[in-house]
């Protein structure tokens, strides 16, 4: 297959939002490589999704060292496809990775020590064939490592030229404020926080968004579709081959009750009246009002990607819609 020639129209429709108080803008919809870019997925499908994403203005690709399966596979596959298709466009693309979850045996293979984070970053750059990532995250707080050490490692990554910006993921509001304070003192401001956030998962509203406003950091929401629950896939129950029908620990059949399905169907009705799919409305709801910088979506096909990206075309809600959605959210 010939190298990709990006569409001339790639910047025509996607909105871009400033990340906190930084100069970096992110697309309203970003592509995450969490579930669909491991070695069990055909590389040609992954290539088609990445190509189409970039042609639609998705300039941000989000990875982590443990994405796969197996861990590391998503970065390896992305590296192959980046070399084939995207190297000429490197300066138009934001690539992020993270470290903190288990990657190798022994006491240094996970969490937030300087030893783990900087070794993980070197491994990620090697897998992807990159000289630097645009954003490097601490993937989760480490209860046994001083926050000064973890944030100091992120600062070192920038000082070494291996990352342009730094972020955190899964940190509480209090941890976020302290991380931002430490980083500001080091001269490497906190760019962004990556929390889970969806209509059914509202924890960021209990202080985290306020904390991010205070410290001037942006946010990018992962799992805005609640692992696929906020799509049309489960309207009639749990289909064969779905994530909930499999062994995923993130969405289980036991967790999808009739009460939950009734809420999904009601939300789907609201979305249809808005002229959107349920997935599009769920993404647009995350992005409403501008407090969230970007919604991070996954995609197993080009069609699914196109449906999700189209959410950016209609981000406005009237008061009646928001009130009705609130009856069925949470």
Foldseek 3Di string as FASTA:
>chain_A
DAADDADPCQPVDWDWFAFFPDPDTATQEAAEQAAAQAPVHDLVQVLVQVRLCSNNNRQEYEEEQCGYVRRNRNLLSQLVSCVRYPPVPVVSHAYEYEFADADDDDDQRHHQALSNQVVRLVSSCVSNVHQAGAEYEHEEHDPPDPLLRRLVSRLVCCVVVRYNAYEYEHDDLVSLLVSQVSNVVVVGGHAEYEYADWLADHVCVVRVLVSCNVSRGAYEHEPHCQQVLQFPCALPHHDPPGPQNDDDPSHHSVVCDPLLSVLSVQLQVLQVVVVATSLLQGSLQVCAPNSHSHYYDYDNGNVRSVRNSCSSVDNDDDPVSVVSNNVSGD
